[in-house]
């Protein structure tokens, strides 16, 4: 399996769909399905059964998006960028924004 370019906690820009242009933070990545859940984006209504600690009713929750429809936000200006990889002197592999050349994983 190729290393994923988007990880949990990344700031991303939505490229397609009803939320195109919006930004958010990745809450969860599902590599087997090539999808990710982004906070506050692609919201859907779900009916929830009542439990001991939660009321019953209709709740809004973010649904998964295909990874092809999201791009990493450039750390410099927040615009969508592609991701490359670079091996540092210590032998550590880090992600790099193609747009600005800036390191993504500090």
N, C-alpha and C. Protein backbone atom coordinates (compact mmCIF):
# COMPACT_ATOMS: atom_id res chain seq x y z
N UNK A 1 0.85 -1.20 0.00
CA UNK A 1 0.00 0.00 0.00
C UNK A 1 0.88 1.25 0.00
N UNK A 2 0.56 2.19 -0.85
CA UNK A 2 1.32 3.44 -0.92
C UNK A 2 1.05 4.27 0.33
N UNK A 3 2.01 5.11 0.72
CA UNK A 3 1.79 5.93 1.91
C UNK A 3 0.76 7.01 1.58
N UNK A 4 -0.17 7.19 2.50
CA UNK A 4 -1.24 8.17 2.29
C UNK A 4 -0.70 9.59 2.42
N UNK A 5 -1.25 10.47 1.62
CA UNK A 5 -0.78 11.85 1.62
C UNK A 5 -1.58 12.72 2.58
N UNK A 6 -2.72 12.22 3.04
CA UNK A 6 -3.56 12.97 3.98
C UNK A 6 -3.70 12.15 5.25
N UNK A 7 -3.52 12.81 6.39
CA UNK A 7 -3.58 12.13 7.68
C UNK A 7 -4.56 12.83 8.61
N UNK A 8 -4.92 12.15 9.69
CA UNK A 8 -5.80 12.72 10.71
C UNK A 8 -5.15 13.99 11.27
N UNK A 9 -5.96 15.05 11.41
CA UNK A 9 -5.45 16.31 11.96
C UNK A 9 -5.00 17.31 10.92
N UNK A 10 -4.89 16.90 9.66
CA UNK A 10 -4.48 17.82 8.59
C UNK A 10 -5.57 18.82 8.27
N UNK A 11 -5.17 20.02 7.86
CA UNK A 11 -6.11 21.02 7.34
C UNK A 11 -6.23 20.76 5.84
N UNK A 12 -7.47 20.61 5.37
CA UNK A 12 -7.69 20.30 3.96
C UNK A 12 -8.70 21.25 3.32
N UNK A 13 -8.66 21.31 1.98
CA UNK A 13 -9.58 22.12 1.18
C UNK A 13 -10.42 21.15 0.35
N UNK A 14 -11.72 21.40 0.27
CA UNK A 14 -12.62 20.54 -0.51
C UNK A 14 -12.58 21.02 -1.96
N UNK A 15 -12.35 20.09 -2.90
CA UNK A 15 -12.19 20.44 -4.31
C UNK A 15 -13.46 20.26 -5.13
N UNK A 16 -14.39 19.41 -4.66
CA UNK A 16 -15.58 19.12 -5.46
C UNK A 16 -16.76 18.84 -4.55
N UNK A 17 -17.96 18.99 -5.11
CA UNK A 17 -19.17 18.70 -4.35
C UNK A 17 -19.82 19.96 -3.81
N UNK A 18 -20.83 19.77 -2.99
CA UNK A 18 -21.60 20.92 -2.50
C UNK A 18 -20.82 21.80 -1.54
N UNK A 19 -19.74 21.28 -0.96
CA UNK A 19 -18.91 22.05 -0.02
C UNK A 19 -17.62 22.55 -0.65
N UNK A 20 -17.57 22.60 -1.98
CA UNK A 20 -16.36 23.01 -2.71
C UNK A 20 -15.84 24.35 -2.20
N UNK A 21 -14.54 24.40 -1.93
CA UNK A 21 -13.91 25.64 -1.46
C UNK A 21 -13.82 25.76 0.05
N UNK A 22 -14.59 24.96 0.78
CA UNK A 22 -14.55 25.04 2.24
C UNK A 22 -13.33 24.30 2.77
N UNK A 23 -12.92 24.68 3.99
CA UNK A 23 -11.78 24.02 4.60
C UNK A 23 -12.20 23.38 5.91
N UNK A 24 -11.43 22.42 6.36
CA UNK A 24 -11.72 21.76 7.62
C UNK A 24 -10.57 20.86 8.03
N UNK A 25 -10.73 20.26 9.20
CA UNK A 25 -9.70 19.37 9.73
C UNK A 25 -10.15 17.93 9.55
N UNK A 26 -9.22 17.07 9.17
CA UNK A 26 -9.52 15.65 8.97
C UNK A 26 -9.71 14.99 10.33
N UNK A 27 -10.88 14.39 10.54
CA UNK A 27 -11.18 13.71 11.80
C UNK A 27 -10.77 12.24 11.74
N UNK A 28 -10.89 11.64 10.53
CA UNK A 28 -10.65 10.21 10.39
C UNK A 28 -10.33 9.90 8.94
N UNK A 29 -9.40 9.00 8.71
CA UNK A 29 -9.08 8.54 7.36
C UNK A 29 -9.40 7.06 7.28
N UNK A 30 -10.07 6.65 6.19
CA UNK A 30 -10.43 5.25 5.99
C UNK A 30 -9.66 4.76 4.75
N UNK A 31 -8.44 4.25 4.94
CA UNK A 31 -7.58 3.90 3.80
C UNK A 31 -8.15 2.79 2.91
N UNK A 32 -8.86 1.82 3.50
CA UNK A 32 -9.40 0.71 2.71
C UNK A 32 -10.41 1.19 1.68
N UNK A 33 -11.16 2.25 2.03
CA UNK A 33 -12.19 2.78 1.14
C UNK A 33 -11.73 4.03 0.40
N UNK A 34 -10.50 4.50 0.68
CA UNK A 34 -9.96 5.71 0.07
C UNK A 34 -10.82 6.93 0.38
N UNK A 35 -11.24 7.05 1.64
CA UNK A 35 -12.13 8.12 2.06
C UNK A 35 -11.63 8.78 3.34
N UNK A 36 -12.15 9.98 3.61
CA UNK A 36 -11.80 10.69 4.84
C UNK A 36 -13.01 11.45 5.34
N UNK A 37 -13.09 11.63 6.67
CA UNK A 37 -14.15 12.41 7.29
C UNK A 37 -13.55 13.75 7.70
N UNK A 38 -14.15 14.85 7.23
CA UNK A 38 -13.65 16.20 7.51
C UNK A 38 -14.65 16.93 8.40
N UNK A 39 -14.16 17.57 9.45
CA UNK A 39 -15.00 18.25 10.43
C UNK A 39 -15.82 19.38 9.80
N UNK A 40 -17.13 19.35 9.97
CA UNK A 40 -18.02 20.41 9.52
C UNK A 40 -18.30 20.43 8.03
N UNK A 41 -17.88 19.40 7.30
CA UNK A 41 -18.06 19.35 5.85
C UNK A 41 -18.84 18.09 5.49
N UNK A 42 -19.67 18.16 4.44
CA UNK A 42 -20.47 17.03 3.98
C UNK A 42 -21.38 16.53 5.10
N UNK A 43 -22.08 17.47 5.76
CA UNK A 43 -22.94 17.13 6.88
C UNK A 43 -24.21 16.42 6.39
N UNK A 44 -24.58 15.36 7.11
CA UNK A 44 -25.80 14.61 6.79
C UNK A 44 -26.62 14.46 8.06
N UNK A 45 -27.93 14.30 7.90
CA UNK A 45 -28.81 14.08 9.05
C UNK A 45 -28.98 12.59 9.26
N UNK A 46 -28.84 12.18 10.52
CA UNK A 46 -28.98 10.77 10.86
C UNK A 46 -29.94 10.63 12.04
N UNK A 47 -30.78 9.62 11.98
CA UNK A 47 -31.69 9.33 13.09
C UNK A 47 -30.93 8.49 14.11
N UNK A 48 -30.94 8.94 15.37
CA UNK A 48 -30.20 8.23 16.41
C UNK A 48 -31.16 7.65 17.43
N UNK A 49 -30.92 6.41 17.80
CA UNK A 49 -31.71 5.74 18.84
C UNK A 49 -31.24 6.26 20.19
N UNK A 50 -32.14 6.29 21.16
CA UNK A 50 -31.79 6.76 22.49
C UNK A 50 -30.93 5.73 23.20
N UNK A 51 -29.90 6.22 23.91
CA UNK A 51 -29.07 5.35 24.73
C UNK A 51 -29.02 5.91 26.13
N UNK A 52 -28.25 5.26 26.99
CA UNK A 52 -28.15 5.69 28.38
C UNK A 52 -27.66 7.14 28.50
N UNK A 53 -26.72 7.53 27.64
CA UNK A 53 -26.12 8.86 27.75
C UNK A 53 -26.45 9.79 26.58
N UNK A 54 -27.37 9.40 25.69
CA UNK A 54 -27.69 10.26 24.54
C UNK A 54 -29.18 10.24 24.24
N UNK A 55 -29.73 11.41 23.97
CA UNK A 55 -31.14 11.54 23.60
C UNK A 55 -31.38 10.95 22.21
N UNK A 56 -32.62 10.54 21.98
CA UNK A 56 -33.01 10.11 20.63
C UNK A 56 -33.30 11.35 19.80
N UNK A 57 -33.21 11.23 18.48
CA UNK A 57 -33.54 12.35 17.62
C UNK A 57 -32.71 12.36 16.36
N UNK A 58 -32.80 13.46 15.64
CA UNK A 58 -32.08 13.61 14.38
C UNK A 58 -30.84 14.45 14.66
N UNK A 59 -29.67 13.91 14.31
CA UNK A 59 -28.41 14.62 14.56
C UNK A 59 -27.69 14.87 13.24
N UNK A 60 -26.93 15.97 13.21
CA UNK A 60 -26.08 16.27 12.05
C UNK A 60 -24.70 15.69 12.33
N UNK A 61 -24.16 14.98 11.35
CA UNK A 61 -22.80 14.46 11.51
C UNK A 61 -22.10 14.49 10.16
N UNK A 62 -20.76 14.64 10.18
CA UNK A 62 -20.03 14.67 8.90
C UNK A 62 -19.93 13.27 8.29
N UNK A 63 -20.15 13.18 6.99
CA UNK A 63 -20.02 11.92 6.27
C UNK A 63 -18.67 11.89 5.55
N UNK A 64 -18.24 10.71 5.16
CA UNK A 64 -16.93 10.55 4.51
C UNK A 64 -16.94 11.11 3.09
N UNK A 65 -15.79 11.66 2.69
CA UNK A 65 -15.57 12.17 1.33
C UNK A 65 -14.49 11.33 0.68
N UNK A 66 -14.53 11.24 -0.64
CA UNK A 66 -13.47 10.53 -1.35
C UNK A 66 -12.19 11.36 -1.29
N UNK A 67 -11.04 10.69 -1.14
CA UNK A 67 -9.77 11.41 -1.04
C UNK A 67 -9.45 12.21 -2.29
N UNK A 68 -10.02 11.81 -3.45
CA UNK A 68 -9.76 12.54 -4.68
C UNK A 68 -10.41 13.92 -4.67
N UNK A 69 -11.38 14.12 -3.79
CA UNK A 69 -12.10 15.40 -3.73
C UNK A 69 -11.58 16.34 -2.66
N UNK A 70 -10.50 15.97 -1.98
CA UNK A 70 -9.91 16.87 -0.99
C UNK A 70 -8.42 17.01 -1.26
N UNK A 71 -7.89 18.18 -0.91
CA UNK A 71 -6.46 18.45 -1.08
C UNK A 71 -5.95 19.10 0.18
N UNK A 72 -4.71 18.86 0.49
CA UNK A 72 -4.08 19.46 1.66
C UNK A 72 -4.00 20.97 1.50
N UNK A 73 -4.23 21.71 2.58
CA UNK A 73 -4.10 23.17 2.55
C UNK A 73 -2.62 23.50 2.76
N UNK A 74 -2.09 24.38 1.90
CA UNK A 74 -0.68 24.78 2.01
C UNK A 74 -0.46 25.49 3.35
N UNK A 75 0.57 25.10 4.11
CA UNK A 75 0.80 25.75 5.41
C UNK A 75 1.09 27.24 5.30
N UNK A 76 1.56 27.69 4.13
CA UNK A 76 1.91 29.10 3.95
C UNK A 76 0.68 29.98 3.72
N UNK A 77 -0.17 29.61 2.73
CA UNK A 77 -1.29 30.49 2.40
C UNK A 77 -2.68 29.84 2.49
N UNK A 78 -2.75 28.57 2.84
CA UNK A 78 -4.05 27.92 3.02
C UNK A 78 -4.74 27.45 1.75
N UNK A 79 -4.10 27.65 0.59
CA UNK A 79 -4.70 27.20 -0.67
C UNK A 79 -4.36 25.73 -0.91
N UNK A 80 -5.14 25.08 -1.78
CA UNK A 80 -4.95 23.65 -2.05
C UNK A 80 -3.59 23.39 -2.68
N UNK A 81 -2.95 22.33 -2.24
CA UNK A 81 -1.64 21.97 -2.78
C UNK A 81 -1.54 20.46 -2.92
N UNK A 82 -0.67 20.03 -3.83
CA UNK A 82 -0.35 18.61 -3.92
C UNK A 82 0.73 18.31 -2.90
N UNK A 83 0.93 17.02 -2.64
CA UNK A 83 1.87 16.63 -1.60
C UNK A 83 2.99 15.79 -2.19
N UNK A 84 4.22 16.11 -1.80
CA UNK A 84 5.36 15.32 -2.21
C UNK A 84 6.06 14.80 -0.96
N UNK A 85 7.06 13.97 -1.15
CA UNK A 85 7.81 13.43 -0.02
C UNK A 85 9.27 13.78 -0.18
N UNK A 86 9.94 13.94 0.98
CA UNK A 86 11.35 14.30 0.98
C UNK A 86 12.00 13.56 2.15
N UNK A 87 13.21 13.08 1.94
CA UNK A 87 13.92 12.41 3.03
C UNK A 87 14.95 13.37 3.59
N UNK A 88 14.82 13.67 4.88
CA UNK A 88 15.72 14.61 5.54
C UNK A 88 17.07 13.94 5.82
N UNK A 89 18.05 14.76 6.27
CA UNK A 89 19.40 14.27 6.54
C UNK A 89 19.41 13.11 7.54
N UNK A 90 18.54 13.18 8.54
CA UNK A 90 18.48 12.13 9.57
C UNK A 90 17.84 10.84 9.08
N UNK A 91 17.37 10.83 7.83
CA UNK A 91 16.73 9.64 7.28
C UNK A 91 15.23 9.62 7.48
N UNK A 92 14.68 10.73 8.02
CA UNK A 92 13.24 10.80 8.27
C UNK A 92 12.51 11.23 7.01
N UNK A 93 11.40 10.56 6.68
CA UNK A 93 10.61 10.89 5.49
C UNK A 93 9.50 11.85 5.91
N UNK A 94 9.43 13.01 5.26
CA UNK A 94 8.43 14.02 5.60
C UNK A 94 7.62 14.41 4.37
N UNK A 95 6.42 14.93 4.62
CA UNK A 95 5.59 15.42 3.52
C UNK A 95 5.94 16.88 3.23
N UNK A 96 5.89 17.25 1.95
CA UNK A 96 6.25 18.60 1.51
C UNK A 96 5.14 19.13 0.62
N UNK A 97 4.76 20.41 0.80
CA UNK A 97 3.76 21.04 -0.06
C UNK A 97 4.43 21.38 -1.38
N UNK A 98 3.87 20.90 -2.49
CA UNK A 98 4.45 21.15 -3.82
C UNK A 98 4.34 22.62 -4.19
N UNK A 99 3.31 23.29 -3.70
CA UNK A 99 3.02 24.69 -4.06
C UNK A 99 4.10 25.64 -3.53
N UNK A 100 4.46 25.48 -2.23
CA UNK A 100 5.40 26.42 -1.62
C UNK A 100 6.73 25.76 -1.25
N UNK A 101 6.78 24.44 -1.27
CA UNK A 101 7.99 23.74 -0.88
C UNK A 101 8.15 23.63 0.63
N UNK A 102 7.13 24.05 1.36
CA UNK A 102 7.17 24.05 2.82
C UNK A 102 6.93 22.64 3.40
N UNK A 103 7.59 22.34 4.53
CA UNK A 103 7.40 21.05 5.19
C UNK A 103 6.03 21.01 5.85
N UNK A 104 5.36 19.86 5.79
CA UNK A 104 4.04 19.72 6.39
C UNK A 104 4.14 19.09 7.78
N UNK A 105 4.94 18.03 7.93
CA UNK A 105 5.07 17.42 9.25
C UNK A 105 6.32 17.96 9.96
N UNK A 106 6.27 19.23 10.34
CA UNK A 106 7.30 19.88 11.13
C UNK A 106 8.56 19.19 11.16
